[in-house]
């Protein structure tokens, strides 16, 4: 025994180490390894579900963006149709207003002509009467003046 090493003690320590290693392997390593593997599977499962959910979300996004574009095109078309229809109705209303204005102007002209002829017809006899009265006054005044001047002359002769 050189160096005071006992082989039997070394072998016993090695046996204790192997027993301790086996005990720790079965008591700690296997459960920890099983837990880590389970956790890894759980993470892989979550990652897989996340990827499928993300791909589904991308598909829905593409679908909804397509629907949104078609809805926007439909809205543009509806706005265009509504604007065209409004313009058409506005033109129809303007045409009706122009026709009504023309009719009103024609009625007003006809009424003005009628009123003018009524006034002229009504004034014509009045003008005749006024002219007759004026003529009578002129005739009577000139005759009465003539008589007066005649009388004045004859009074002066006496």
N, C-alpha and C. Protein backbone atom coordinates (compact mmCIF):
# COMPACT_ATOMS: atom_id res chain seq x y z
N UNK A 1 0.79 -1.14 0.00
CA UNK A 1 0.00 0.00 0.00
C UNK A 1 0.87 1.25 0.00
N UNK A 2 1.16 1.45 -1.12
CA UNK A 2 1.94 2.66 -1.20
C UNK A 2 1.04 3.87 -0.99
N UNK A 3 1.21 4.84 -0.66
CA UNK A 3 0.47 6.08 -0.44
C UNK A 3 -0.74 5.91 0.46
N UNK A 4 -0.79 4.91 1.10
CA UNK A 4 -1.84 4.65 2.06
C UNK A 4 -3.22 4.67 1.39
N UNK A 5 -3.37 4.07 0.25
CA UNK A 5 -4.65 4.00 -0.47
C UNK A 5 -5.12 2.57 -0.36
N UNK A 6 -6.33 2.45 0.06
CA UNK A 6 -6.93 1.13 0.21
C UNK A 6 -7.86 0.93 -0.98
N UNK A 7 -7.64 -0.15 -1.70
CA UNK A 7 -8.42 -0.41 -2.92
C UNK A 7 -9.85 -0.73 -2.53
N UNK A 8 -10.01 -1.38 -1.46
CA UNK A 8 -11.34 -1.75 -1.03
C UNK A 8 -12.14 -0.48 -0.74
N UNK A 9 -11.54 0.48 -0.14
CA UNK A 9 -12.23 1.73 0.16
C UNK A 9 -12.57 2.46 -1.14
N UNK A 10 -11.68 2.44 -2.07
CA UNK A 10 -11.91 3.11 -3.35
C UNK A 10 -13.07 2.44 -4.07
N UNK A 11 -13.08 1.11 -4.04
CA UNK A 11 -14.17 0.40 -4.70
C UNK A 11 -15.50 0.67 -4.00
N UNK A 12 -15.49 0.74 -2.71
CA UNK A 12 -16.72 1.05 -1.97
C UNK A 12 -17.22 2.46 -2.31
N UNK A 13 -16.31 3.38 -2.38
CA UNK A 13 -16.72 4.74 -2.74
C UNK A 13 -17.26 4.79 -4.16
N UNK A 14 -16.63 4.02 -5.04
CA UNK A 14 -17.12 3.97 -6.41
C UNK A 14 -18.50 3.32 -6.47
N UNK A 15 -18.71 2.29 -5.68
CA UNK A 15 -20.02 1.64 -5.62
C UNK A 15 -21.05 2.61 -5.05
N UNK A 16 -20.68 3.33 -4.01
CA UNK A 16 -21.60 4.33 -3.44
C UNK A 16 -21.93 5.41 -4.48
N UNK A 17 -20.93 5.79 -5.22
CA UNK A 17 -21.16 6.80 -6.25
C UNK A 17 -22.10 6.29 -7.33
N UNK A 18 -21.94 5.04 -7.74
CA UNK A 18 -22.81 4.45 -8.76
C UNK A 18 -24.22 4.33 -8.21
N UNK A 19 -24.38 3.91 -6.98
CA UNK A 19 -25.71 3.78 -6.36
C UNK A 19 -26.36 5.18 -6.25
N UNK A 20 -25.55 6.12 -5.81
CA UNK A 20 -26.08 7.49 -5.69
C UNK A 20 -26.47 8.02 -7.07
N UNK A 21 -25.65 7.78 -8.05
CA UNK A 21 -25.95 8.23 -9.42
C UNK A 21 -27.22 7.58 -9.94
N UNK A 22 -27.38 6.26 -9.72
CA UNK A 22 -28.58 5.55 -10.18
C UNK A 22 -29.81 6.07 -9.45
N UNK A 23 -29.68 6.30 -8.15
CA UNK A 23 -30.82 6.79 -7.37
C UNK A 23 -31.21 8.18 -7.85
N UNK A 24 -30.23 9.02 -8.02
CA UNK A 24 -30.54 10.37 -8.49
C UNK A 24 -31.10 10.33 -9.92
N UNK A 25 -30.59 9.42 -10.74
CA UNK A 25 -31.09 9.29 -12.11
C UNK A 25 -32.56 8.93 -12.09
N UNK A 26 -32.94 7.96 -11.29
CA UNK A 26 -34.34 7.53 -11.25
C UNK A 26 -35.22 8.52 -10.49
N UNK A 27 -34.68 9.13 -9.46
CA UNK A 27 -35.49 10.04 -8.65
C UNK A 27 -35.58 11.45 -9.23
N UNK A 28 -34.52 11.93 -9.80
CA UNK A 28 -34.52 13.31 -10.27
C UNK A 28 -34.48 13.44 -11.79
N UNK A 29 -33.56 12.77 -12.42
CA UNK A 29 -33.34 13.00 -13.84
C UNK A 29 -34.54 12.59 -14.67
N UNK A 30 -35.08 11.40 -14.43
CA UNK A 30 -36.22 10.93 -15.22
C UNK A 30 -37.43 11.85 -15.05
N UNK A 31 -37.85 12.23 -13.83
CA UNK A 31 -39.01 13.12 -13.71
C UNK A 31 -38.76 14.50 -14.32
N UNK A 32 -37.54 15.00 -14.11
CA UNK A 32 -37.23 16.30 -14.68
C UNK A 32 -37.22 16.20 -16.20
N UNK A 33 -36.61 15.14 -16.73
CA UNK A 33 -36.57 14.94 -18.18
C UNK A 33 -37.99 14.79 -18.73
N UNK A 34 -38.82 14.03 -18.00
CA UNK A 34 -40.22 13.83 -18.42
C UNK A 34 -40.97 15.17 -18.40
N UNK A 35 -40.75 15.98 -17.37
CA UNK A 35 -41.39 17.29 -17.26
C UNK A 35 -40.93 18.20 -18.40
N UNK A 36 -39.64 18.22 -18.67
CA UNK A 36 -39.10 19.06 -19.73
C UNK A 36 -39.62 18.61 -21.09
N UNK A 37 -39.68 17.30 -21.33
CA UNK A 37 -40.22 16.80 -22.59
C UNK A 37 -41.70 17.16 -22.75
N UNK A 38 -42.45 17.01 -21.67
CA UNK A 38 -43.87 17.39 -21.69
C UNK A 38 -44.04 18.88 -21.97
N UNK A 39 -43.20 19.66 -21.32
CA UNK A 39 -43.25 21.11 -21.52
C UNK A 39 -42.88 21.46 -22.96
N UNK A 40 -41.92 20.76 -23.50
CA UNK A 40 -41.51 20.98 -24.88
C UNK A 40 -42.63 20.61 -25.84
N UNK A 41 -43.31 19.51 -25.59
CA UNK A 41 -44.45 19.11 -26.41
C UNK A 41 -45.57 20.15 -26.31
N UNK A 42 -45.81 20.63 -25.10
CA UNK A 42 -46.84 21.64 -24.88
C UNK A 42 -46.50 22.91 -25.68
N UNK A 43 -45.26 23.34 -25.63
CA UNK A 43 -44.83 24.53 -26.37
C UNK A 43 -44.95 24.30 -27.88
N UNK A 44 -44.57 23.11 -28.33
CA UNK A 44 -44.69 22.80 -29.76
C UNK A 44 -46.16 22.80 -30.18
N UNK A 45 -47.02 22.25 -29.31
CA UNK A 45 -48.45 22.23 -29.60
C UNK A 45 -49.00 23.66 -29.66
N UNK A 46 -48.60 24.50 -28.72
CA UNK A 46 -49.05 25.90 -28.73
C UNK A 46 -48.54 26.60 -29.98
N UNK A 47 -47.28 26.35 -30.35
CA UNK A 47 -46.72 26.96 -31.55
C UNK A 47 -47.48 26.50 -32.79
N UNK A 48 -47.82 25.21 -32.82
CA UNK A 48 -48.56 24.66 -33.96
C UNK A 48 -49.95 25.30 -34.05
N UNK A 49 -50.64 25.38 -32.89
CA UNK A 49 -51.97 26.00 -32.88
C UNK A 49 -51.88 27.48 -33.25
N UNK A 50 -50.82 28.14 -32.80
CA UNK A 50 -50.64 29.55 -33.13
C UNK A 50 -50.45 29.72 -34.63
N UNK A 51 -49.64 28.84 -35.22
CA UNK A 51 -49.42 28.93 -36.66
C UNK A 51 -50.71 28.69 -37.43
N UNK A 52 -51.50 27.69 -37.02
CA UNK A 52 -52.77 27.43 -37.72
C UNK A 52 -53.73 28.60 -37.51
N UNK A 53 -53.76 29.13 -36.30
CA UNK A 53 -54.63 30.28 -36.03
C UNK A 53 -54.18 31.48 -36.85
N UNK A 54 -52.87 31.67 -36.94
CA UNK A 54 -52.34 32.78 -37.72
C UNK A 54 -52.66 32.61 -39.20
N UNK A 55 -52.53 31.40 -39.70
CA UNK A 55 -52.85 31.16 -41.12
C UNK A 55 -54.35 31.35 -41.36
N UNK A 56 -55.18 30.89 -40.41
CA UNK A 56 -56.63 31.11 -40.53
C UNK A 56 -56.94 32.61 -40.51
N UNK A 57 -56.24 33.33 -39.63
CA UNK A 57 -56.46 34.78 -39.55
C UNK A 57 -56.04 35.45 -40.85
N UNK A 58 -54.93 34.99 -41.44
CA UNK A 58 -54.49 35.55 -42.72
C UNK A 58 -55.53 35.28 -43.81
N UNK A 59 -56.08 34.07 -43.82
CA UNK A 59 -57.11 33.74 -44.81
C UNK A 59 -58.33 34.62 -44.62
N UNK A 60 -58.76 34.78 -43.34
CA UNK A 60 -59.90 35.65 -43.06
C UNK A 60 -59.61 37.08 -43.46
N UNK A 61 -58.37 37.52 -43.20
CA UNK A 61 -57.99 38.88 -43.57
C UNK A 61 -58.09 39.06 -45.08
N UNK A 62 -57.57 38.09 -45.83
CA UNK A 62 -57.65 38.17 -47.29
C UNK A 62 -59.12 38.16 -47.75
N UNK A 63 -59.90 37.30 -47.13
CA UNK A 63 -61.32 37.20 -47.49
C UNK A 63 -62.05 38.51 -47.19
N UNK A 64 -61.81 39.04 -45.98
CA UNK A 64 -62.49 40.28 -45.60
C UNK A 64 -61.99 41.47 -46.40
N UNK A 65 -60.71 41.49 -46.73
CA UNK A 65 -60.23 42.60 -47.55
C UNK A 65 -60.84 42.52 -48.95
N UNK A 66 -61.03 41.31 -49.47
CA UNK A 66 -61.73 41.15 -50.75
C UNK A 66 -63.17 41.63 -50.65
N UNK A 67 -63.84 41.24 -49.56
CA UNK A 67 -65.22 41.68 -49.37
C UNK A 67 -65.28 43.20 -49.20
N UNK A 68 -64.29 43.74 -48.48
CA UNK A 68 -64.26 45.18 -48.27
C UNK A 68 -64.06 45.92 -49.59
N UNK A 69 -63.17 45.42 -50.43
CA UNK A 69 -62.96 46.05 -51.73
C UNK A 69 -64.21 45.98 -52.59
N UNK A 70 -64.87 44.82 -52.58
CA UNK A 70 -66.10 44.70 -53.38
C UNK A 70 -67.18 45.62 -52.82
N UNK A 71 -67.23 45.73 -51.48
CA UNK A 71 -68.23 46.63 -50.87
C UNK A 71 -67.92 48.08 -51.23
N UNK A 72 -66.63 48.44 -51.23
CA UNK A 72 -66.27 49.80 -51.60
C UNK A 72 -66.61 50.08 -53.06
N UNK A 73 -66.37 49.11 -53.93
CA UNK A 73 -66.73 49.29 -55.34
C UNK A 73 -68.24 49.43 -55.48
N UNK A 74 -68.98 48.62 -54.73
CA UNK A 74 -70.44 48.70 -54.78
C UNK A 74 -70.92 50.05 -54.27
N UNK A 75 -70.27 50.55 -53.21
CA UNK A 75 -70.64 51.86 -52.68
C UNK A 75 -70.36 52.94 -53.70
N UNK A 76 -69.19 52.86 -54.37
CA UNK A 76 -68.87 53.84 -55.41
C UNK A 76 -69.91 53.80 -56.52
N UNK A 77 -70.29 52.58 -56.91
CA UNK A 77 -71.28 52.43 -57.98
C UNK A 77 -72.62 53.02 -57.53
N UNK A 78 -73.01 52.73 -56.28
CA UNK A 78 -74.29 53.25 -55.78
C UNK A 78 -74.25 54.78 -55.72
N UNK A 79 -73.11 55.33 -55.28
CA UNK A 79 -72.99 56.79 -55.23
C UNK A 79 -73.09 57.37 -56.63
N UNK A 80 -72.41 56.73 -57.57
CA UNK A 80 -72.45 57.21 -58.96
C UNK A 80 -73.86 57.13 -59.51
N UNK A 81 -74.54 56.01 -59.26
CA UNK A 81 -75.92 55.86 -59.73
C UNK A 81 -76.82 56.90 -59.09
N UNK A 82 -76.63 57.12 -57.78
CA UNK A 82 -77.47 58.10 -57.08
C UNK A 82 -77.21 59.50 -57.63
N UNK A 83 -75.94 59.81 -57.89
CA UNK A 83 -75.62 61.14 -58.44
C UNK A 83 -76.23 61.30 -59.83
N UNK A 84 -76.13 60.25 -60.66
CA UNK A 84 -76.72 60.31 -61.99
C UNK A 84 -78.24 60.49 -61.91
N UNK A 85 -78.85 59.73 -61.01
CA UNK A 85 -80.30 59.82 -60.86
C UNK A 85 -80.71 61.20 -60.35
N UNK A 86 -79.94 61.72 -59.39
CA UNK A 86 -80.24 63.05 -58.86
C UNK A 86 -80.09 64.11 -59.95
N UNK A 87 -79.05 63.97 -60.76
CA UNK A 87 -78.85 64.93 -61.85
C UNK A 87 -79.99 64.83 -62.86
N UNK A 88 -80.42 63.61 -63.14
CA UNK A 88 -81.53 63.40 -64.08
C UNK A 88 -82.81 64.04 -63.53
N UNK A 89 -83.08 63.80 -62.25
CA UNK A 89 -84.28 64.39 -61.64
C UNK A 89 -84.18 65.91 -61.61
N UNK A 90 -82.98 66.42 -61.34
CA UNK A 90 -82.80 67.88 -61.34
C UNK A 90 -83.07 68.45 -62.72
N UNK A 91 -82.59 67.75 -63.75
CA UNK A 91 -82.86 68.22 -65.12
C UNK A 91 -84.35 68.18 -65.43
N UNK A 92 -85.02 67.12 -64.99
CA UNK A 92 -86.47 67.03 -65.21
C UNK A 92 -87.19 68.16 -64.49
N UNK A 93 -86.78 68.43 -63.26
CA UNK A 93 -87.42 69.51 -62.48
C UNK A 93 -87.17 70.85 -63.16
N UNK A 94 -85.95 71.06 -63.66
CA UNK A 94 -85.64 72.32 -64.36
C UNK A 94 -86.50 72.45 -65.61
N UNK A 95 -86.64 71.34 -66.36
CA UNK A 95 -87.46 71.38 -67.57
C UNK A 95 -88.92 71.71 -67.23
N UNK A 96 -89.43 71.07 -66.17
CA UNK A 96 -90.81 71.35 -65.75
C UNK A 96 -90.95 72.81 -65.34
N UNK A 97 -89.94 73.30 -64.61
CA UNK A 97 -90.00 74.70 -64.16
C UNK A 97 -89.96 75.65 -65.36
N UNK A 98 -89.14 75.32 -66.35
CA UNK A 98 -89.08 76.15 -67.54
C UNK A 98 -90.42 76.14 -68.28
N UNK A 99 -91.04 74.94 -68.38
CA UNK A 99 -92.34 74.85 -69.04
C UNK A 99 -93.38 75.66 -68.27
N UNK A 100 -93.36 75.50 -66.93
CA UNK A 100 -94.34 76.24 -66.14
C UNK A 100 -94.10 77.74 -66.26
N UNK A 101 -92.82 78.13 -66.27
CA UNK A 101 -92.50 79.55 -66.42
C UNK A 101 -93.00 80.06 -67.77
N UNK A 102 -92.77 79.25 -68.81
CA UNK A 102 -93.26 79.62 -70.14
C UNK A 102 -94.78 79.75 -70.16
N UNK A 103 -95.45 78.78 -69.52
CA UNK A 103 -96.92 78.83 -69.45
C UNK A 103 -97.38 80.06 -68.69
N UNK A 104 -96.71 80.36 -67.59
CA UNK A 104 -97.10 81.52 -66.79
C UNK A 104 -96.89 82.80 -67.59
N UNK A 105 -95.75 82.86 -68.30
CA UNK A 105 -95.48 84.05 -69.12
C UNK A 105 -96.52 84.18 -70.22
N UNK A 106 -96.87 83.07 -70.85
CA UNK A 106 -97.90 83.11 -71.91
C UNK A 106 -99.24 83.55 -71.34
N UNK A 107 -99.60 83.01 -70.15
CA UNK A 107 -100.87 83.43 -69.52
C UNK A 107 -100.82 84.92 -69.19
N UNK A 108 -99.68 85.36 -68.67
CA UNK A 108 -99.56 86.78 -68.30
C UNK A 108 -99.67 87.66 -69.55
N UNK A 109 -99.04 87.23 -70.64
CA UNK A 109 -99.13 88.01 -71.88
C UNK A 109 -100.57 88.04 -72.39
N UNK A 110 -101.22 86.87 -72.34
CA UNK A 110 -102.61 86.82 -72.80
C UNK A 110 -103.50 87.71 -71.93
N UNK A 111 -103.27 87.64 -70.62
CA UNK A 111 -104.07 88.49 -69.72
C UNK A 111 -103.75 89.96 -69.95
N UNK A 112 -102.48 90.27 -70.21
CA UNK A 112 -102.10 91.66 -70.46
C UNK A 112 -102.76 92.15 -71.75
N UNK A 113 -102.76 91.31 -72.78
CA UNK A 113 -103.41 91.67 -74.04
C UNK A 113 -104.91 91.88 -73.82
N UNK A 114 -105.49 90.97 -73.07
CA UNK A 114 -106.93 91.07 -72.79
C UNK A 114 -107.23 92.35 -72.01
N UNK A 115 -106.39 92.61 -71.00
CA UNK A 115 -106.58 93.81 -70.18
C UNK A 115 -106.37 95.06 -71.03
N UNK A 116 -105.39 95.00 -71.93
CA UNK A 116 -105.11 96.14 -72.81
C UNK A 116 -106.31 96.41 -73.72
N UNK A 117 -106.84 95.30 -74.30
CA UNK A 117 -108.00 95.50 -75.18
C UNK A 117 -109.21 95.97 -74.38
N UNK A 118 -109.38 95.44 -73.15
CA UNK A 118 -110.49 95.91 -72.30
C UNK A 118 -110.34 97.38 -71.97
N UNK A 119 -109.09 97.75 -71.65
CA UNK A 119 -108.85 99.16 -71.31
C UNK A 119 -109.11 100.05 -72.53
N UNK A 120 -108.58 99.59 -73.67
CA UNK A 120 -108.80 100.40 -74.88
C UNK A 120 -110.28 100.47 -75.23
N UNK A 121 -110.97 99.36 -75.09
CA UNK A 121 -112.42 99.36 -75.39
C UNK A 121 -113.17 100.20 -74.38
N UNK A 122 -112.75 100.11 -73.13
CA UNK A 122 -113.44 100.89 -72.09
C UNK A 122 -113.07 102.36 -72.18
N UNK A 123 -111.87 102.66 -72.60
CA UNK A 123 -111.43 104.05 -72.68
C UNK A 123 -111.99 104.72 -73.92
N UNK A 124 -112.16 103.98 -74.97
CA UNK A 124 -112.63 104.53 -76.23
C UNK A 124 -113.95 105.29 -76.05
N UNK A 125 -114.98 104.70 -75.42
CA UNK A 125 -116.20 105.50 -75.22
C UNK A 125 -115.97 106.68 -74.30
N UNK A 126 -115.10 106.52 -73.31
CA UNK A 126 -114.83 107.64 -72.40
C UNK A 126 -114.13 108.77 -73.15
N UNK A 127 -113.19 108.40 -74.02
CA UNK A 127 -112.48 109.41 -74.80
C UNK A 127 -113.47 110.15 -75.71
N UNK A 128 -114.35 109.35 -76.30
CA UNK A 128 -115.36 109.97 -77.18
C UNK A 128 -116.22 110.96 -76.39
N UNK A 129 -116.65 110.54 -75.21
CA UNK A 129 -117.49 111.41 -74.39
C UNK A 129 -116.73 112.66 -73.97
N UNK A 130 -115.44 112.47 -73.57
CA UNK A 130 -114.64 113.63 -73.18
C UNK A 130 -114.44 114.58 -74.37
N UNK A 131 -114.19 113.99 -75.52
CA UNK A 131 -114.01 114.83 -76.72
C UNK A 131 -115.31 115.58 -77.03
N UNK A 132 -116.41 114.89 -76.87
CA UNK A 132 -117.70 115.53 -77.13
C UNK A 132 -117.94 116.65 -76.13
N UNK A 133 -117.67 116.37 -74.86
CA UNK A 133 -117.86 117.41 -73.84
C UNK A 133 -116.96 118.61 -74.12
N UNK A 134 -115.72 118.32 -74.50
CA UNK A 134 -114.78 119.42 -74.77
C UNK A 134 -115.27 120.24 -75.97
N UNK A 135 -115.75 119.52 -76.98
CA UNK A 135 -116.25 120.23 -78.16
C UNK A 135 -117.46 121.08 -77.80
N UNK A 136 -118.33 120.54 -76.98
CA UNK A 136 -119.52 121.30 -76.57
C UNK A 136 -119.11 122.54 -75.80
N UNK A 137 -118.11 122.36 -74.91
CA UNK A 137 -117.67 123.52 -74.13
C UNK A 137 -117.08 124.59 -75.04
N UNK A 138 -116.27 124.11 -75.97
CA UNK A 138 -115.64 125.08 -76.87
C UNK A 138 -116.71 125.79 -77.70
N UNK A 139 -117.65 125.02 -78.17
CA UNK A 139 -118.70 125.62 -78.99
C UNK A 139 -119.54 126.56 -78.15
N UNK A 140 -119.95 126.12 -76.98
CA UNK A 140 -120.79 126.98 -76.14
C UNK A 140 -120.03 128.20 -75.65
N UNK A 141 -118.79 128.01 -75.30
CA UNK A 141 -118.01 129.16 -74.82
C UNK A 141 -117.81 130.17 -75.96
N UNK A 142 -117.49 129.63 -77.11
CA UNK A 142 -117.24 130.57 -78.21
C UNK A 142 -118.56 131.25 -78.61
N UNK A 143 -119.67 130.51 -78.51
CA UNK A 143 -120.93 131.16 -78.84
C UNK A 143 -121.32 132.16 -77.76
N UNK A 144 -121.11 131.79 -76.53
CA UNK A 144 -121.48 132.75 -75.49
C UNK A 144 -120.55 133.94 -75.54
N UNK A 145 -119.29 133.74 -75.87
CA UNK A 145 -118.36 134.87 -76.03
C UNK A 145 -118.79 135.74 -77.23
N UNK A 146 -119.21 135.07 -78.26
CA UNK A 146 -119.64 135.83 -79.44
C UNK A 146 -120.88 136.66 -79.10
N UNK A 147 -121.82 136.08 -78.34
CA UNK A 147 -123.00 136.83 -77.95
C UNK A 147 -122.61 137.96 -77.03
N UNK A 148 -121.70 137.65 -76.10
CA UNK A 148 -121.28 138.70 -75.16
C UNK A 148 -120.60 139.85 -75.91
N UNK A 149 -119.74 139.53 -76.81
CA UNK A 149 -119.06 140.60 -77.55
C UNK A 149 -120.07 141.36 -78.44
N UNK A 150 -121.05 140.61 -78.95
CA UNK A 150 -122.05 141.27 -79.75
C UNK A 150 -122.87 142.23 -78.88
N UNK A 151 -123.21 141.75 -77.71
CA UNK A 151 -123.97 142.58 -76.81
C UNK A 151 -123.16 143.79 -76.35
N UNK A 152 -121.88 143.57 -76.16
CA UNK A 152 -121.04 144.67 -75.72
C UNK A 152 -120.94 145.73 -76.84
N UNK A 153 -120.88 145.29 -78.02
CA UNK A 153 -120.78 146.21 -79.14
C UNK A 153 -122.10 146.98 -79.30
N UNK A 154 -123.18 146.26 -79.17
CA UNK A 154 -124.45 146.93 -79.35
C UNK A 154 -124.74 147.86 -78.19
N UNK A 155 -124.28 147.59 -77.05
CA UNK A 155 -124.49 148.48 -75.91
C UNK A 155 -123.64 149.73 -76.10
N UNK A 156 -122.60 149.63 -76.72
CA UNK A 156 -121.73 150.78 -76.92
C UNK A 156 -122.30 151.69 -78.00
N UNK A 157 -123.13 151.23 -78.89
CA UNK A 157 -123.70 152.04 -79.94
C UNK A 157 -124.83 152.89 -79.41
N UNK A 158 -125.39 152.51 -78.47
CA UNK A 158 -126.52 153.24 -77.99
C UNK A 158 -126.08 154.39 -77.29
